Amino acid sequence: MDFQLLLATQLSNLMEDTMAQTAHIIGKVEFREGEGPNLVIRPGPVSVETGLIDATLSWEEEETHNSAAMPLIDFTRYIDEGKITLNA
């Protein structure tokens, strides 16, 4: 399947389901907080909420609740690369 078609299909599927879903980080997934350096999200379960232009990932690390927003295109790239897996 053509990459652009696959990406368009995944974006369409993500936009149809605006409810929170769960996923697992299984590779190196980074986000940028403001103008600072890239930060790595630890491997493990996350909650994901998608919007029209971004995805917000939330997770717990020890006793801290964390969240990160990233452009939807980056989120789908991480899925395509196998670094994030969506739970059924």
PDB file of N, CA and C in Angstrom:
ATOM      1  N   MET A   1       0.855  -1.184   0.000  1.00  0.00           N
ATOM      2  CA  MET A   1       0.000   0.000   0.000  1.00  0.00           C
ATOM      3  C   MET A   1       0.896   1.241   0.000  1.00  0.00           C
ATOM      4  N   ASP A   2       0.522   2.219  -0.763  1.00  0.00           N
ATOM      5  CA  ASP A   2       1.251   3.481  -0.847  1.00  0.00           C
ATOM      6  C   ASP A   2       1.296   4.157   0.529  1.00  0.00           C
ATOM      7  N   PHE A   3       2.465   4.703   0.906  1.00  0.00           N
ATOM      8  CA  PHE A   3       2.637   5.333   2.211  1.00  0.00           C
ATOM      9  C   PHE A   3       1.638   6.461   2.451  1.00  0.00           C
ATOM     10  N   GLN A   4       1.411   7.309   1.446  1.00  0.00           N
ATOM     11  CA  GLN A   4       0.484   8.431   1.618  1.00  0.00           C
ATOM     12  C   GLN A   4      -0.941   7.929   1.832  1.00  0.00           C
ATOM     13  N   LEU A   5      -1.324   6.874   1.116  1.00  0.00           N
ATOM     14  CA  LEU A   5      -2.657   6.306   1.300  1.00  0.00           C
ATOM     15  C   LEU A   5      -2.794   5.692   2.687  1.00  0.00           C
ATOM     16  N   LEU A   6      -1.748   4.975   3.127  1.00  0.00           N
ATOM     17  CA  LEU A   6      -1.756   4.381   4.458  1.00  0.00           C
ATOM     18  C   LEU A   6      -1.863   5.463   5.523  1.00  0.00           C
ATOM     19  N   LEU A   7      -1.080   6.526   5.375  1.00  0.00           N
ATOM     20  CA  LEU A   7      -1.115   7.622   6.336  1.00  0.00           C
ATOM     21  C   LEU A   7      -2.490   8.284   6.361  1.00  0.00           C
ATOM     22  N   ALA A   8      -3.064   8.527   5.183  1.00  0.00           N
ATOM     23  CA  ALA A   8      -4.391   9.137   5.106  1.00  0.00           C
ATOM     24  C   ALA A   8      -5.436   8.246   5.766  1.00  0.00           C
ATOM     25  N   THR A   9      -5.321   6.949   5.576  1.00  0.00           N
ATOM     26  CA  THR A   9      -6.266   6.009   6.188  1.00  0.00           C
ATOM     27  C   THR A   9      -6.134   6.036   7.700  1.00  0.00           C
ATOM     28  N   GLN A  10      -4.889   6.012   8.192  1.00  0.00           N
ATOM     29  CA  GLN A  10      -4.683   6.047   9.642  1.00  0.00           C
ATOM     30  C   GLN A  10      -5.169   7.363  10.235  1.00  0.00           C
ATOM     31  N   LEU A  11      -4.898   8.463   9.564  1.00  0.00           N
ATOM     32  CA  LEU A  11      -5.376   9.762  10.053  1.00  0.00           C
ATOM     33  C   LEU A  11      -6.896   9.789  10.095  1.00  0.00           C
ATOM     34  N   SER A  12      -7.529   9.267   9.066  1.00  0.00           N
ATOM     35  CA  SER A  12      -8.983   9.221   9.026  1.00  0.00           C
ATOM     36  C   SER A  12      -9.532   8.384  10.173  1.00  0.00           C
ATOM     37  N   ASN A  13      -8.921   7.222  10.400  1.00  0.00           N
ATOM     38  CA  ASN A  13      -9.361   6.357  11.495  1.00  0.00           C
ATOM     39  C   ASN A  13      -9.175   7.036  12.840  1.00  0.00           C
ATOM     40  N   LEU A  14      -8.057   7.722  13.029  1.00  0.00           N
ATOM     41  CA  LEU A  14      -7.816   8.406  14.289  1.00  0.00           C
ATOM     42  C   LEU A  14      -8.797   9.552  14.512  1.00  0.00           C
ATOM     43  N   MET A  15      -9.137  10.280  13.452  1.00  0.00           N
ATOM     44  CA  MET A  15     -10.048  11.412  13.591  1.00  0.00           C
ATOM     45  C   MET A  15     -11.479  10.965  13.855  1.00  0.00           C
ATOM     46  N   GLU A  16     -11.847   9.774  13.375  1.00  0.00           N
ATOM     47  CA  GLU A  16     -13.195   9.267  13.625  1.00  0.00           C
ATOM     48  C   GLU A  16     -13.382   8.918  15.089  1.00  0.00           C
ATOM     49  N   ASP A  17     -12.348   8.469  15.750  1.00  0.00           N
ATOM     50  CA  ASP A  17     -12.426   8.031  17.137  1.00  0.00           C
ATOM     51  C   ASP A  17     -11.748   9.057  18.030  1.00  0.00           C
ATOM     52  N   THR A  18     -12.541   9.974  18.575  1.00  0.00           N
ATOM     53  CA  THR A  18     -11.971  11.023  19.413  1.00  0.00           C
ATOM     54  C   THR A  18     -11.945  10.622  20.885  1.00  0.00           C
ATOM     55  N   MET A  19     -12.394   9.413  21.189  1.00  0.00           N
ATOM     56  CA  MET A  19     -12.352   8.936  22.560  1.00  0.00           C
ATOM     57  C   MET A  19     -10.923   8.568  22.924  1.00  0.00           C
ATOM     58  N   ALA A  20     -10.669   8.555  24.227  1.00  0.00           N
ATOM     59  CA  ALA A  20      -9.350   8.136  24.691  1.00  0.00           C
ATOM     60  C   ALA A  20      -9.160   6.662  24.381  1.00  0.00           C
ATOM     61  N   GLN A  21      -7.959   6.316  24.024  1.00  0.00           N
ATOM     62  CA  GLN A  21      -7.615   4.926  23.790  1.00  0.00           C
ATOM     63  C   GLN A  21      -6.301   4.643  24.489  1.00  0.00           C
ATOM     64  N   THR A  22      -5.972   3.388  24.624  1.00  0.00           N
ATOM     65  CA  THR A  22      -4.718   3.040  25.262  1.00  0.00           C
ATOM     66  C   THR A  22      -3.737   2.529  24.214  1.00  0.00           C
ATOM     67  N   ALA A  23      -2.473   2.683  24.533  1.00  0.00           N
ATOM     68  CA  ALA A  23      -1.411   2.261  23.632  1.00  0.00           C
ATOM     69  C   ALA A  23      -0.202   1.879  24.474  1.00  0.00           C
ATOM     70  N   HIS A  24       0.791   1.313  23.802  1.00  0.00           N
ATOM     71  CA  HIS A  24       2.049   0.973  24.464  1.00  0.00           C
ATOM     72  C   HIS A  24       3.200   1.606  23.695  1.00  0.00           C
ATOM     73  N   ILE A  25       4.084   2.237  24.424  1.00  0.00           N
ATOM     74  CA  ILE A  25       5.332   2.740  23.851  1.00  0.00           C
ATOM     75  C   ILE A  25       6.310   1.564  23.886  1.00  0.00           C
ATOM     76  N   ILE A  26       6.817   1.174  22.719  1.00  0.00           N
ATOM     77  CA  ILE A  26       7.749   0.050  22.678  1.00  0.00           C
ATOM     78  C   ILE A  26       9.059   0.413  21.977  1.00  0.00           C
ATOM     79  N   GLY A  27       9.203   1.660  21.604  1.00  0.00           N
ATOM     80  CA  GLY A  27      10.429   2.138  20.968  1.00  0.00           C
ATOM     81  C   GLY A  27      10.738   3.538  21.474  1.00  0.00           C
ATOM     82  N   LYS A  28      11.741   4.160  20.892  1.00  0.00           N
ATOM     83  CA  LYS A  28      12.113   5.513  21.309  1.00  0.00           C
ATOM     84  C   LYS A  28      11.114   6.517  20.741  1.00  0.00           C
ATOM     85  N   VAL A  29      10.300   7.100  21.626  1.00  0.00           N
ATOM     86  CA  VAL A  29       9.297   8.105  21.261  1.00  0.00           C
ATOM     87  C   VAL A  29       9.663   9.387  21.988  1.00  0.00           C
ATOM     88  N   GLU A  30       9.820  10.460  21.222  1.00  0.00           N
ATOM     89  CA  GLU A  30      10.245  11.731  21.790  1.00  0.00           C
ATOM     90  C   GLU A  30       9.189  12.810  21.569  1.00  0.00           C
ATOM     91  N   PHE A  31       9.221  13.802  22.441  1.00  0.00           N
ATOM     92  CA  PHE A  31       8.389  14.995  22.286  1.00  0.00           C
ATOM     93  C   PHE A  31       9.215  16.194  22.726  1.00  0.00           C
ATOM     94  N   ARG A  32       8.788  17.356  22.312  1.00  0.00           N
ATOM     95  CA  ARG A  32       9.478  18.589  22.680  1.00  0.00           C
ATOM     96  C   ARG A  32       8.560  19.405  23.580  1.00  0.00           C
ATOM     97  N   GLU A  33       9.087  19.777  24.737  1.00  0.00           N
ATOM     98  CA  GLU A  33       8.342  20.611  25.675  1.00  0.00           C
ATOM     99  C   GLU A  33       8.755  22.056  25.443  1.00  0.00           C
ATOM    100  N   GLY A  34       7.868  22.820  24.786  1.00  0.00           N
ATOM    101  CA  GLY A  34       8.182  24.205  24.461  1.00  0.00           C
ATOM    102  C   GLY A  34       9.340  24.279  23.489  1.00  0.00           C
ATOM    103  N   GLU A  35      10.295  25.143  23.782  1.00  0.00           N
ATOM    104  CA  GLU A  35      11.469  25.304  22.929  1.00  0.00           C
ATOM    105  C   GLU A  35      12.654  24.485  23.438  1.00  0.00           C
ATOM    106  N   GLY A  36      12.414  23.632  24.429  1.00  0.00           N
ATOM    107  CA  GLY A  36      13.490  22.850  25.024  1.00  0.00           C
ATOM    108  C   GLY A  36      13.908  21.678  24.156  1.00  0.00           C
ATOM    109  N   PRO A  37      14.799  20.851  24.704  1.00  0.00           N
ATOM    110  CA  PRO A  37      15.288  19.688  23.965  1.00  0.00           C
ATOM    111  C   PRO A  37      14.221  18.597  23.891  1.00  0.00           C
ATOM    112  N   ASN A  38      14.433  17.642  22.997  1.00  0.00           N
ATOM    113  CA  ASN A  38      13.529  16.499  22.921  1.00  0.00           C
ATOM    114  C   ASN A  38      13.635  15.680  24.200  1.00  0.00           C
ATOM    115  N   LEU A  39      12.494  15.217  24.684  1.00  0.00           N
ATOM    116  CA  LEU A  39      12.428  14.354  25.857  1.00  0.00           C
ATOM    117  C   LEU A  39      11.864  13.009  25.421  1.00  0.00           C
ATOM    118  N   VAL A  40      12.306  11.941  26.053  1.00  0.00           N
ATOM    119  CA  VAL A  40      11.876  10.592  25.695  1.00  0.00           C
ATOM    120  C   VAL A  40      10.753  10.150  26.629  1.00  0.00           C
ATOM    121  N   ILE A  41       9.704   9.570  26.048  1.00  0.00           N
ATOM    122  CA  ILE A  41       8.630   8.961  26.835  1.00  0.00           C
ATOM    123  C   ILE A  41       9.071   7.539  27.155  1.00  0.00           C
ATOM    124  N   ARG A  42       9.010   7.171  28.403  1.00  0.00           N
ATOM    125  CA  ARG A  42       9.475   5.853  28.822  1.00  0.00           C
ATOM    126  C   ARG A  42       8.610   4.764  28.183  1.00  0.00           C
ATOM    127  N   PRO A  43       9.179   3.572  27.940  1.00  0.00           N
ATOM    128  CA  PRO A  43       8.378   2.457  27.409  1.00  0.00           C
ATOM    129  C   PRO A  43       7.302   2.060  28.405  1.00  0.00           C
ATOM    130  N   GLY A  44       6.151   1.640  27.893  1.00  0.00           N
ATOM    131  CA  GLY A  44       5.067   1.185  28.743  1.00  0.00           C
ATOM    132  C   GLY A  44       3.737   1.725  28.278  1.00  0.00           C
ATOM    133  N   PRO A  45       2.690   1.522  29.087  1.00  0.00           N
ATOM    134  CA  PRO A  45       1.341   1.937  28.699  1.00  0.00           C
ATOM    135  C   PRO A  45       1.159   3.453  28.745  1.00  0.00           C
ATOM    136  N   VAL A  46       0.347   3.961  27.825  1.00  0.00           N
ATOM    137  CA  VAL A  46      -0.036   5.371  27.783  1.00  0.00           C
ATOM    138  C   VAL A  46      -1.509   5.460  27.406  1.00  0.00           C
ATOM    139  N   SER A  47      -2.113   6.556  27.767  1.00  0.00           N
ATOM    140  CA  SER A  47      -3.457   6.896  27.318  1.00  0.00           C
ATOM    141  C   SER A  47      -3.295   7.905  26.201  1.00  0.00           C
ATOM    142  N   VAL A  48      -4.101   7.784  25.149  1.00  0.00           N
ATOM    143  CA  VAL A  48      -3.965   8.653  23.983  1.00  0.00           C
ATOM    144  C   VAL A  48      -5.308   9.301  23.663  1.00  0.00           C
ATOM    145  N   GLU A  49      -5.288  10.604  23.476  1.00  0.00           N
ATOM    146  CA  GLU A  49      -6.446  11.336  22.973  1.00  0.00           C
ATOM    147  C   GLU A  49      -6.003  12.059  21.719  1.00  0.00           C
ATOM    148  N   THR A  50      -6.743  11.850  20.637  1.00  0.00           N
ATOM    149  CA  THR A  50      -6.369  12.481  19.377  1.00  0.00           C
ATOM    150  C   THR A  50      -7.340  13.594  19.036  1.00  0.00           C
ATOM    151  N   GLY A  51      -6.795  14.630  18.429  1.00  0.00           N
ATOM    152  CA  GLY A  51      -7.590  15.735  17.923  1.00  0.00           C
ATOM    153  C   GLY A  51      -7.362  15.858  16.434  1.00  0.00           C
ATOM    154  N   LEU A  52      -7.770  16.955  15.866  1.00  0.00           N
ATOM    155  CA  LEU A  52      -7.599  17.142  14.433  1.00  0.00           C
ATOM    156  C   LEU A  52      -6.149  17.356  14.034  1.00  0.00           C
ATOM    157  N   ILE A  53      -5.342  17.942  14.925  1.00  0.00           N
ATOM    158  CA  ILE A  53      -3.961  18.229  14.542  1.00  0.00           C
ATOM    159  C   ILE A  53      -2.917  17.636  15.474  1.00  0.00           C
ATOM    160  N   ASP A  54      -3.338  17.122  16.643  1.00  0.00           N
ATOM    161  CA  ASP A  54      -2.340  16.563  17.543  1.00  0.00           C
ATOM    162  C   ASP A  54      -2.876  15.388  18.337  1.00  0.00           C
ATOM    163  N   ALA A  55      -1.956  14.707  18.987  1.00  0.00           N
ATOM    164  CA  ALA A  55      -2.282  13.603  19.881  1.00  0.00           C
ATOM    165  C   ALA A  55      -1.664  13.925  21.234  1.00  0.00           C
ATOM    166  N   THR A  56      -2.431  13.692  22.289  1.00  0.00           N
ATOM    167  CA  THR A  56      -1.937  13.903  23.638  1.00  0.00           C
ATOM    168  C   THR A  56      -1.762  12.553  24.306  1.00  0.00           C
ATOM    169  N   LEU A  57      -0.557  12.277  24.749  1.00  0.00           N
ATOM    170  CA  LEU A  57      -0.228  11.030  25.428  1.00  0.00           C
ATOM    171  C   LEU A  57      -0.080  11.322  26.910  1.00  0.00           C
ATOM    172  N   SER A  58      -0.670  10.472  27.747  1.00  0.00           N
ATOM    173  CA  SER A  58      -0.581  10.632  29.202  1.00  0.00           C
ATOM    174  C   SER A  58      -0.079   9.324  29.801  1.00  0.00           C
ATOM    175  N   TRP A  59       0.758   9.419  30.829  1.00  0.00           N
ATOM    176  CA  TRP A  59       1.305   8.237  31.470  1.00  0.00           C
ATOM    177  C   TRP A  59       1.739   8.573  32.878  1.00  0.00           C
ATOM    178  N   GLU A  60       1.959   7.535  33.658  1.00  0.00           N
ATOM    179  CA  GLU A  60       2.459   7.683  35.020  1.00  0.00           C
ATOM    180  C   GLU A  60       3.868   7.133  35.079  1.00  0.00           C
ATOM    181  N   GLU A  61       4.713   7.845  35.787  1.00  0.00           N
ATOM    182  CA  GLU A  61       6.096   7.422  35.988  1.00  0.00           C
ATOM    183  C   GLU A  61       6.394   7.588  37.466  1.00  0.00           C
ATOM    184  N   GLU A  62       6.527   6.465  38.155  1.00  0.00           N
ATOM    185  CA  GLU A  62       6.620   6.437  39.601  1.00  0.00           C
ATOM    186  C   GLU A  62       5.352   7.088  40.152  1.00  0.00           C
ATOM    187  N   GLU A  63       5.450   8.201  40.852  1.00  0.00           N
ATOM    188  CA  GLU A  63       4.265   8.849  41.408  1.00  0.00           C
ATOM    189  C   GLU A  63       3.883  10.108  40.643  1.00  0.00           C
ATOM    190  N   THR A  64       4.461  10.299  39.475  1.00  0.00           N
ATOM    191  CA  THR A  64       4.247  11.509  38.686  1.00  0.00           C
ATOM    192  C   THR A  64       3.349  11.218  37.492  1.00  0.00           C
ATOM    193  N   HIS A  65       2.366  12.089  37.266  1.00  0.00           N
ATOM    194  CA  HIS A  65       1.517  12.012  36.081  1.00  0.00           C
ATOM    195  C   HIS A  65       2.106  12.945  35.025  1.00  0.00           C
ATOM    196  N   ASN A  66       2.329  12.413  33.832  1.00  0.00           N
ATOM    197  CA  ASN A  66       2.941  13.178  32.754  1.00  0.00           C
ATOM    198  C   ASN A  66       2.029  13.194  31.543  1.00  0.00           C
ATOM    199  N   SER A  67       2.191  14.206  30.707  1.00  0.00           N
ATOM    200  CA  SER A  67       1.475  14.242  29.433  1.00  0.00           C
ATOM    201  C   SER A  67       2.316  15.015  28.426  1.00  0.00           C
ATOM    202  N   ALA A  68       2.088  14.674  27.170  1.00  0.00           N
ATOM    203  CA  ALA A  68       2.807  15.328  26.083  1.00  0.00           C
ATOM    204  C   ALA A  68       1.890  15.405  24.871  1.00  0.00           C
ATOM    205  N   ALA A  69       1.909  16.545  24.205  1.00  0.00           N
ATOM    206  CA  ALA A  69       1.179  16.694  22.948  1.00  0.00           C
ATOM    207  C   ALA A  69       2.198  16.669  21.819  1.00  0.00           C
ATOM    208  N   MET A  70       1.824  15.994  20.740  1.00  0.00           N
ATOM    209  CA  MET A  70       2.696  15.957  19.566  1.00  0.00           C
ATOM    210  C   MET A  70       1.832  16.066  18.323  1.00  0.00           C
ATOM    211  N   PRO A  71       2.385  16.591  17.250  1.00  0.00           N
ATOM    212  CA  PRO A  71       1.617  16.664  16.005  1.00  0.00           C
ATOM    213  C   PRO A  71       1.126  15.273  15.596  1.00  0.00           C
ATOM    214  N   LEU A  72      -0.071  15.214  15.070  1.00  0.00           N
ATOM    215  CA  LEU A  72      -0.659  13.947  14.668  1.00  0.00           C
ATOM    216  C   LEU A  72       0.215  13.219  13.647  1.00  0.00           C
ATOM    217  N   ILE A  73       0.875  13.952  12.794  1.00  0.00           N
ATOM    218  CA  ILE A  73       1.743  13.332  11.794  1.00  0.00           C
ATOM    219  C   ILE A  73       2.894  12.590  12.477  1.00  0.00           C
ATOM    220  N   ASP A  74       3.446  13.137  13.567  1.00  0.00           N
ATOM    221  CA  ASP A  74       4.515  12.447  14.302  1.00  0.00           C
ATOM    222  C   ASP A  74       3.969  11.208  15.001  1.00  0.00           C
ATOM    223  N   PHE A  75       2.781  11.329  15.591  1.00  0.00           N
ATOM    224  CA  PHE A  75       2.158  10.202  16.269  1.00  0.00           C
ATOM    225  C   PHE A  75       1.940   9.042  15.296  1.00  0.00           C
ATOM    226  N   THR A  76       1.406   9.325  14.117  1.00  0.00           N
ATOM    227  CA  THR A  76       1.170   8.247  13.148  1.00  0.00           C
ATOM    228  C   THR A  76       2.484   7.690  12.613  1.00  0.00           C
ATOM    229  N   ARG A  77       3.520   8.512  12.528  1.00  0.00           N
ATOM    230  CA  ARG A  77       4.838   8.013  12.104  1.00  0.00           C
ATOM    231  C   ARG A  77       5.372   7.013  13.117  1.00  0.00           C
ATOM    232  N   TYR A  78       5.219   7.322  14.418  1.00  0.00           N
ATOM    233  CA  TYR A  78       5.659   6.388  15.452  1.00  0.00           C
ATOM    234  C   TYR A  78       4.886   5.071  15.366  1.00  0.00           C
ATOM    235  N   ILE A  79       3.604   5.127  15.039  1.00  0.00           N
ATOM    236  CA  ILE A  79       2.816   3.903  14.841  1.00  0.00           C
ATOM    237  C   ILE A  79       3.352   3.137  13.643  1.00  0.00           C
ATOM    238  N   ASP A  80       3.557   3.828  12.527  1.00  0.00           N
ATOM    239  CA  ASP A  80       4.075   3.184  11.313  1.00  0.00           C
ATOM    240  C   ASP A  80       5.430   2.536  11.561  1.00  0.00           C
ATOM    241  N   GLU A  81       6.266   3.169  12.378  1.00  0.00           N
ATOM    242  CA  GLU A  81       7.597   2.648  12.662  1.00  0.00           C
ATOM    243  C   GLU A  81       7.582   1.545  13.711  1.00  0.00           C
ATOM    244  N   GLY A  82       6.396   1.263  14.285  1.00  0.00           N
ATOM    245  CA  GLY A  82       6.280   0.214  15.300  1.00  0.00           C
ATOM    246  C   GLY A  82       6.743   0.631  16.670  1.00  0.00           C
ATOM    247  N   LYS A  83       6.903   1.924  16.911  1.00  0.00           N
ATOM    248  CA  LYS A  83       7.362   2.411  18.208  1.00  0.00           C
ATOM    249  C   LYS A  83       6.211   2.627  19.183  1.00  0.00           C
ATOM    250  N   ILE A  84       5.003   2.769  18.626  1.00  0.00           N
ATOM    251  CA  ILE A  84       3.778   2.852  19.425  1.00  0.00           C
ATOM    252  C   ILE A  84       2.822   1.820  18.861  1.00  0.00           C
ATOM    253  N   THR A  85       2.237   1.017  19.746  1.00  0.00           N
ATOM    254  CA  THR A  85       1.201   0.081  19.316  1.00  0.00           C
ATOM    255  C   THR A  85      -0.097   0.451  20.014  1.00  0.00           C
ATOM    256  N   LEU A  86      -1.167   0.522  19.235  1.00  0.00           N
ATOM    257  CA  LEU A  86      -2.491   0.826  19.782  1.00  0.00           C
ATOM    258  C   LEU A  86      -3.120  -0.454  20.290  1.00  0.00           C
ATOM    259  N   ASN A  87      -3.755  -0.385  21.455  1.00  0.00           N
ATOM    260  CA  ASN A  87      -4.463  -1.550  21.999  1.00  0.00           C
ATOM    261  C   ASN A  87      -5.827  -1.652  21.343  1.00  0.00           C
ATOM    262  N   ALA A  88      -6.280  -2.878  21.180  1.00  0.00           N
ATOM    263  CA  ALA A  88      -7.597  -3.107  20.543  1.00  0.00           C
ATOM    264  C   ALA A  88      -8.732  -2.758  21.469  1.00  0.00           C
TER     265      ALA A  88
END
